[in-house]
PDB file of N, CA and C in Angstrom:
ATOM      1  N   UNK A   1       0.827  -1.197   0.000  1.00  0.00           N
ATOM      2  CA  UNK A   1       0.000   0.000   0.000  1.00  0.00           C
ATOM      3  C   UNK A   1       0.880   1.274   0.000  1.00  0.00           C
ATOM      4  N   UNK A   2       1.978   1.203   0.718  1.00  0.00           N
ATOM      5  CA  UNK A   2       2.865   2.357   0.774  1.00  0.00           C
ATOM      6  C   UNK A   2       3.455   2.657  -0.612  1.00  0.00           C
ATOM      7  N   UNK A   3       3.829   1.586  -1.342  1.00  0.00           N
ATOM      8  CA  UNK A   3       4.380   1.782  -2.687  1.00  0.00           C
ATOM      9  C   UNK A   3       3.337   2.392  -3.613  1.00  0.00           C
ATOM     10  N   UNK A   4       2.103   1.955  -3.509  1.00  0.00           N
ATOM     11  CA  UNK A   4       1.012   2.506  -4.324  1.00  0.00           C
ATOM     12  C   UNK A   4       0.809   3.984  -3.988  1.00  0.00           C
ATOM     13  N   UNK A   5       0.824   4.327  -2.711  1.00  0.00           N
ATOM     14  CA  UNK A   5       0.690   5.718  -2.292  1.00  0.00           C
ATOM     15  C   UNK A   5       1.817   6.559  -2.877  1.00  0.00           C
ATOM     16  N   UNK A   6       3.038   6.043  -2.792  1.00  0.00           N
ATOM     17  CA  UNK A   6       4.196   6.772  -3.317  1.00  0.00           C
ATOM     18  C   UNK A   6       4.053   7.005  -4.817  1.00  0.00           C
ATOM     19  N   UNK A   7       3.622   5.973  -5.536  1.00  0.00           N
ATOM     20  CA  UNK A   7       3.423   6.102  -6.989  1.00  0.00           C
ATOM     21  C   UNK A   7       2.363   7.146  -7.298  1.00  0.00           C
ATOM     22  N   UNK A   8       1.280   7.139  -6.544  1.00  0.00           N
ATOM     23  CA  UNK A   8       0.217   8.122  -6.777  1.00  0.00           C
ATOM     24  C   UNK A   8       0.700   9.540  -6.480  1.00  0.00           C
ATOM     25  N   UNK A   9       1.499   9.706  -5.451  1.00  0.00           N
ATOM     26  CA  UNK A   9       2.059  11.024  -5.155  1.00  0.00           C
ATOM     27  C   UNK A   9       2.963  11.507  -6.288  1.00  0.00           C
ATOM     28  N   UNK A  10       3.787  10.599  -6.799  1.00  0.00           N
ATOM     29  CA  UNK A  10       4.664  10.950  -7.929  1.00  0.00           C
ATOM     30  C   UNK A  10       3.848  11.324  -9.153  1.00  0.00           C
ATOM     31  N   UNK A  11       2.811  10.549  -9.440  1.00  0.00           N
ATOM     32  CA  UNK A  11       1.960  10.849 -10.597  1.00  0.00           C
ATOM     33  C   UNK A  11       1.246  12.191 -10.414  1.00  0.00           C
ATOM     34  N   UNK A  12       0.864  12.476  -9.171  1.00  0.00           N
ATOM     35  CA  UNK A  12       0.231  13.763  -8.890  1.00  0.00           C
ATOM     36  C   UNK A  12       1.162  14.925  -9.175  1.00  0.00           C
ATOM     37  N   UNK A  13       2.431  14.776  -8.820  1.00  0.00           N
ATOM     38  CA  UNK A  13       3.412  15.832  -9.096  1.00  0.00           C
ATOM     39  C   UNK A  13       3.618  16.021 -10.599  1.00  0.00           C
ATOM     40  N   UNK A  14       3.674  14.906 -11.318  1.00  0.00           N
ATOM     41  CA  UNK A  14       3.834  14.980 -12.775  1.00  0.00           C
ATOM     42  C   UNK A  14       2.616  15.653 -13.400  1.00  0.00           C
ATOM     43  N   UNK A  15       1.429  15.276 -12.950  1.00  0.00           N
ATOM     44  CA  UNK A  15       0.202  15.878 -13.475  1.00  0.00           C
ATOM     45  C   UNK A  15       0.159  17.371 -13.171  1.00  0.00           C
ATOM     46  N   UNK A  16       0.600  17.745 -11.987  1.00  0.00           N
ATOM     47  CA  UNK A  16       0.650  19.167 -11.616  1.00  0.00           C
ATOM     48  C   UNK A  16       1.598  19.938 -12.535  1.00  0.00           C
ATOM     49  N   UNK A  17       2.744  19.349 -12.837  1.00  0.00           N
ATOM     50  CA  UNK A  17       3.701  19.989 -13.750  1.00  0.00           C
ATOM     51  C   UNK A  17       3.124  20.106 -15.157  1.00  0.00           C
ATOM     52  N   UNK A  18       2.436  19.073 -15.601  1.00  0.00           N
ATOM     53  CA  UNK A  18       1.819  19.108 -16.937  1.00  0.00           C
ATOM     54  C   UNK A  18       0.729  20.178 -16.997  1.00  0.00           C
ATOM     55  N   UNK A  19      -0.036  20.286 -15.922  1.00  0.00           N
ATOM     56  CA  UNK A  19      -1.090  21.298 -15.868  1.00  0.00           C
ATOM     57  C   UNK A  19      -0.498  22.702 -15.957  1.00  0.00           C
ATOM     58  N   UNK A  20       0.582  22.932 -15.227  1.00  0.00           N
ATOM     59  CA  UNK A  20       1.242  24.245 -15.259  1.00  0.00           C
ATOM     60  C   UNK A  20       1.754  24.557 -16.665  1.00  0.00           C
ATOM     61  N   UNK A  21       2.377  23.567 -17.294  1.00  0.00           N
ATOM     62  CA  UNK A  21       2.890  23.761 -18.654  1.00  0.00           C
ATOM     63  C   UNK A  21       1.750  24.057 -19.627  1.00  0.00           C
ATOM     64  N   UNK A  22       0.654  23.323 -19.500  1.00  0.00           N
ATOM     65  CA  UNK A  22      -0.492  23.537 -20.378  1.00  0.00           C
ATOM     66  C   UNK A  22      -1.080  24.930 -20.188  1.00  0.00           C
ATOM     67  N   UNK A  23      -1.155  25.385 -18.949  1.00  0.00           N
ATOM     68  CA  UNK A  23      -1.657  26.738 -18.691  1.00  0.00           C
ATOM     69  C   UNK A  23      -0.738  27.786 -19.306  1.00  0.00           C
ATOM     70  N   UNK A  24       0.577  27.590 -19.179  1.00  0.00           N
ATOM     71  CA  UNK A  24       1.535  28.526 -19.779  1.00  0.00           C
ATOM     72  C   UNK A  24       1.401  28.549 -21.293  1.00  0.00           C
ATOM     73  N   UNK A  25       1.261  27.381 -21.884  1.00  0.00           N
ATOM     74  CA  UNK A  25       1.108  27.310 -23.339  1.00  0.00           C
ATOM     75  C   UNK A  25      -0.199  27.962 -23.777  1.00  0.00           C
ATOM     76  N   UNK A  26      -1.240  27.801 -22.983  1.00  0.00           N
ATOM     77  CA  UNK A  26      -2.512  28.448 -23.291  1.00  0.00           C
ATOM     78  C   UNK A  26      -2.389  29.956 -23.290  1.00  0.00           C
ATOM     79  N   UNK A  27      -1.661  30.497 -22.310  1.00  0.00           N
ATOM     80  CA  UNK A  27      -1.450  31.943 -22.255  1.00  0.00           C
ATOM     81  C   UNK A  27      -0.647  32.425 -23.459  1.00  0.00           C
ATOM     82  N   UNK A  28       0.400  31.677 -23.815  1.00  0.00           N
ATOM     83  CA  UNK A  28       1.211  32.055 -24.976  1.00  0.00           C
ATOM     84  C   UNK A  28       0.395  32.012 -26.262  1.00  0.00           C
ATOM     85  N   UNK A  29      -0.421  30.975 -26.404  1.00  0.00           N
ATOM     86  CA  UNK A  29      -1.257  30.859 -27.595  1.00  0.00           C
ATOM     87  C   UNK A  29      -2.248  32.010 -27.667  1.00  0.00           C
ATOM     88  N   UNK A  30      -2.810  32.374 -26.527  1.00  0.00           N
ATOM     89  CA  UNK A  30      -3.725  33.511 -26.497  1.00  0.00           C
ATOM     90  C   UNK A  30      -3.042  34.798 -26.937  1.00  0.00           C
ATOM     91  N   UNK A  31      -1.810  34.992 -26.482  1.00  0.00           N
ATOM     92  CA  UNK A  31      -1.058  36.183 -26.875  1.00  0.00           C
ATOM     93  C   UNK A  31      -0.756  36.171 -28.373  1.00  0.00           C
ATOM     94  N   UNK A  32      -0.404  35.009 -28.898  1.00  0.00           N
ATOM     95  CA  UNK A  32      -0.129  34.909 -30.330  1.00  0.00           C
ATOM     96  C   UNK A  32      -1.379  35.200 -31.154  1.00  0.00           C
ATOM     97  N   UNK A  33      -2.505  34.674 -30.729  1.00  0.00           N
ATOM     98  CA  UNK A  33      -3.760  34.922 -31.449  1.00  0.00           C
ATOM     99  C   UNK A  33      -4.108  36.398 -31.403  1.00  0.00           C
ATOM    100  N   UNK A  34      -3.958  37.015 -30.236  1.00  0.00           N
ATOM    101  CA  UNK A  34      -4.250  38.449 -30.119  1.00  0.00           C
ATOM    102  C   UNK A  34      -3.348  39.269 -31.039  1.00  0.00           C
ATOM    103  N   UNK A  35      -2.077  38.902 -31.093  1.00  0.00           N
ATOM    104  CA  UNK A  35      -1.146  39.600 -31.974  1.00  0.00           C
ATOM    105  C   UNK A  35      -1.508  39.433 -33.431  1.00  0.00           C
ATOM    106  N   UNK A  36      -1.923  38.222 -33.790  1.00  0.00           N
ATOM    107  CA  UNK A  36      -2.293  37.979 -35.180  1.00  0.00           C
ATOM    108  C   UNK A  36      -3.554  38.759 -35.549  1.00  0.00           C
ATOM    109  N   UNK A  37      -4.515  38.817 -34.651  1.00  0.00           N
ATOM    110  CA  UNK A  37      -5.728  39.596 -34.907  1.00  0.00           C
ATOM    111  C   UNK A  37      -5.374  41.068 -35.097  1.00  0.00           C
ATOM    112  N   UNK A  38      -4.507  41.588 -34.242  1.00  0.00           N
ATOM    113  CA  UNK A  38      -4.098  42.994 -34.362  1.00  0.00           C
ATOM    114  C   UNK A  38      -3.402  43.243 -35.696  1.00  0.00           C
ATOM    115  N   UNK A  39      -2.538  42.308 -36.096  1.00  0.00           N
ATOM    116  CA  UNK A  39      -1.838  42.471 -37.380  1.00  0.00           C
ATOM    117  C   UNK A  39      -2.819  42.434 -38.545  1.00  0.00           C
ATOM    118  N   UNK A  40      -3.811  41.561 -38.488  1.00  0.00           N
ATOM    119  CA  UNK A  40      -4.794  41.485 -39.572  1.00  0.00           C
ATOM    120  C   UNK A  40      -5.619  42.768 -39.635  1.00  0.00           C
ATOM    121  N   UNK A  41      -5.962  43.319 -38.479  1.00  0.00           N
ATOM    122  CA  UNK A  41      -6.703  44.580 -38.469  1.00  0.00           C
ATOM    123  C   UNK A  41      -5.880  45.707 -39.067  1.00  0.00           C
ATOM    124  N   UNK A  42      -4.590  45.733 -38.750  1.00  0.00           N
ATOM    125  CA  UNK A  42      -3.711  46.750 -39.325  1.00  0.00           C
ATOM    126  C   UNK A  42      -3.584  46.565 -40.830  1.00  0.00           C
ATOM    127  N   UNK A  43      -3.446  45.322 -41.270  1.00  0.00           N
ATOM    128  CA  UNK A  43      -3.338  45.042 -42.697  1.00  0.00           C
ATOM    129  C   UNK A  43      -4.603  45.470 -43.431  1.00  0.00           C
ATOM    130  N   UNK A  44      -5.752  45.201 -42.832  1.00  0.00           N
ATOM    131  CA  UNK A  44      -7.009  45.611 -43.458  1.00  0.00           C
ATOM    132  C   UNK A  44      -7.114  47.129 -43.539  1.00  0.00           C
ATOM    133  N   UNK A  45      -6.665  47.810 -42.498  1.00  0.00           N
ATOM    134  CA  UNK A  45      -6.703  49.277 -42.515  1.00  0.00           C
ATOM    135  C   UNK A  45      -5.776  49.829 -43.593  1.00  0.00           C
ATOM    136  N   UNK A  46      -4.586  49.262 -43.695  1.00  0.00           N
ATOM    137  CA  UNK A  46      -3.614  49.732 -44.693  1.00  0.00           C
ATOM    138  C   UNK A  46      -4.115  49.454 -46.108  1.00  0.00           C
ATOM    139  N   UNK A  47      -4.560  48.219 -46.342  1.00  0.00           N
ATOM    140  CA  UNK A  47      -5.021  47.879 -47.693  1.00  0.00           C
ATOM    141  C   UNK A  47      -6.289  48.646 -48.042  1.00  0.00           C
ATOM    142  N   UNK A  48      -7.140  48.909 -47.051  1.00  0.00           N
ATOM    143  CA  UNK A  48      -8.334  49.714 -47.306  1.00  0.00           C
ATOM    144  C   UNK A  48      -7.962  51.131 -47.685  1.00  0.00           C
ATOM    145  N   UNK A  49      -6.973  51.675 -46.998  1.00  0.00           N
ATOM    146  CA  UNK A  49      -6.510  53.030 -47.303  1.00  0.00           C
ATOM    147  C   UNK A  49      -5.899  53.095 -48.710  1.00  0.00           C
ATOM    148  N   UNK A  50      -5.192  52.018 -49.078  1.00  0.00           N
ATOM    149  CA  UNK A  50      -4.552  51.988 -50.393  1.00  0.00           C
ATOM    150  C   UNK A  50      -5.509  51.560 -51.501  1.00  0.00           C
ATOM    151  N   UNK A  51      -6.656  51.024 -51.115  1.00  0.00           N
ATOM    152  CA  UNK A  51      -7.635  50.579 -52.105  1.00  0.00           C
ATOM    153  C   UNK A  51      -7.250  49.272 -52.776  1.00  0.00           C
ATOM    154  N   UNK A  52      -6.521  48.421 -52.073  1.00  0.00           N
ATOM    155  CA  UNK A  52      -6.142  47.116 -52.616  1.00  0.00           C
ATOM    156  C   UNK A  52      -6.778  46.016 -51.788  1.00  0.00           C
ATOM    157  N   UNK A  53      -6.842  44.819 -52.372  1.00  0.00           N
ATOM    158  CA  UNK A  53      -7.419  43.672 -51.683  1.00  0.00           C
ATOM    159  C   UNK A  53      -6.334  42.959 -50.890  1.00  0.00           C
ATOM    160  N   UNK A  54      -6.580  42.723 -49.592  1.00  0.00           N
ATOM    161  CA  UNK A  54      -5.598  41.987 -48.791  1.00  0.00           C
ATOM    162  C   UNK A  54      -5.405  40.568 -49.322  1.00  0.00           C
ATOM    163  N   UNK A  55      -4.240  40.002 -49.144  1.00  0.00           N
ATOM    164  CA  UNK A  55      -4.003  38.628 -49.585  1.00  0.00           C
ATOM    165  C   UNK A  55      -4.983  37.666 -48.932  1.00  0.00           C
ATOM    166  N   UNK A  56      -5.475  36.730 -49.714  1.00  0.00           N
ATOM    167  CA  UNK A  56      -6.367  35.703 -49.193  1.00  0.00           C
ATOM    168  C   UNK A  56      -7.824  36.106 -49.137  1.00  0.00           C
ATOM    169  N   UNK A  57      -8.148  37.310 -49.576  1.00  0.00           N
ATOM    170  CA  UNK A  57      -9.545  37.753 -49.582  1.00  0.00           C
ATOM    171  C   UNK A  57     -10.013  37.888 -51.019  1.00  0.00           C
ATOM    172  N   UNK A  58     -11.264  37.496 -51.262  1.00  0.00           N
ATOM    173  CA  UNK A  58     -11.769  37.616 -52.638  1.00  0.00           C
ATOM    174  C   UNK A  58     -11.888  39.078 -53.053  1.00  0.00           C
ATOM    175  N   UNK A  59     -11.632  39.311 -54.310  1.00  0.00           N
ATOM    176  CA  UNK A  59     -11.752  40.682 -54.844  1.00  0.00           C
ATOM    177  C   UNK A  59     -13.216  41.004 -55.090  1.00  0.00           C
ATOM    178  N   UNK A  60     -13.566  42.255 -54.788  1.00  0.00           N
ATOM    179  CA  UNK A  60     -14.935  42.701 -55.021  1.00  0.00           C
ATOM    180  C   UNK A  60     -15.152  42.950 -56.504  1.00  0.00           C
ATOM    181  N   UNK A  61     -16.298  42.501 -57.002  1.00  0.00           N
ATOM    182  CA  UNK A  61     -16.653  42.737 -58.404  1.00  0.00           C
ATOM    183  C   UNK A  61     -17.372  44.069 -58.471  1.00  0.00           C
ATOM    184  N   UNK A  62     -16.941  44.930 -59.329  1.00  0.00           N
ATOM    185  CA  UNK A  62     -17.629  46.206 -59.341  1.00  0.00           C
ATOM    186  C   UNK A  62     -17.336  46.939 -60.528  1.00  0.00           C
TER     187      UNK A  62
END
């Protein structure tokens, strides 16, 4: 029983470390997404000002 308890404690520590890493990665991913959204908004503003179609967007027929 003592060995089983020890194993469970070790697994708990590993799970805690994995949880911390996952939370850190989630924060980093959120920051990357926010940065990408900001860059796309800037690109849309610039291309709108220049009157050109941003890459990857269909051209308006007119």
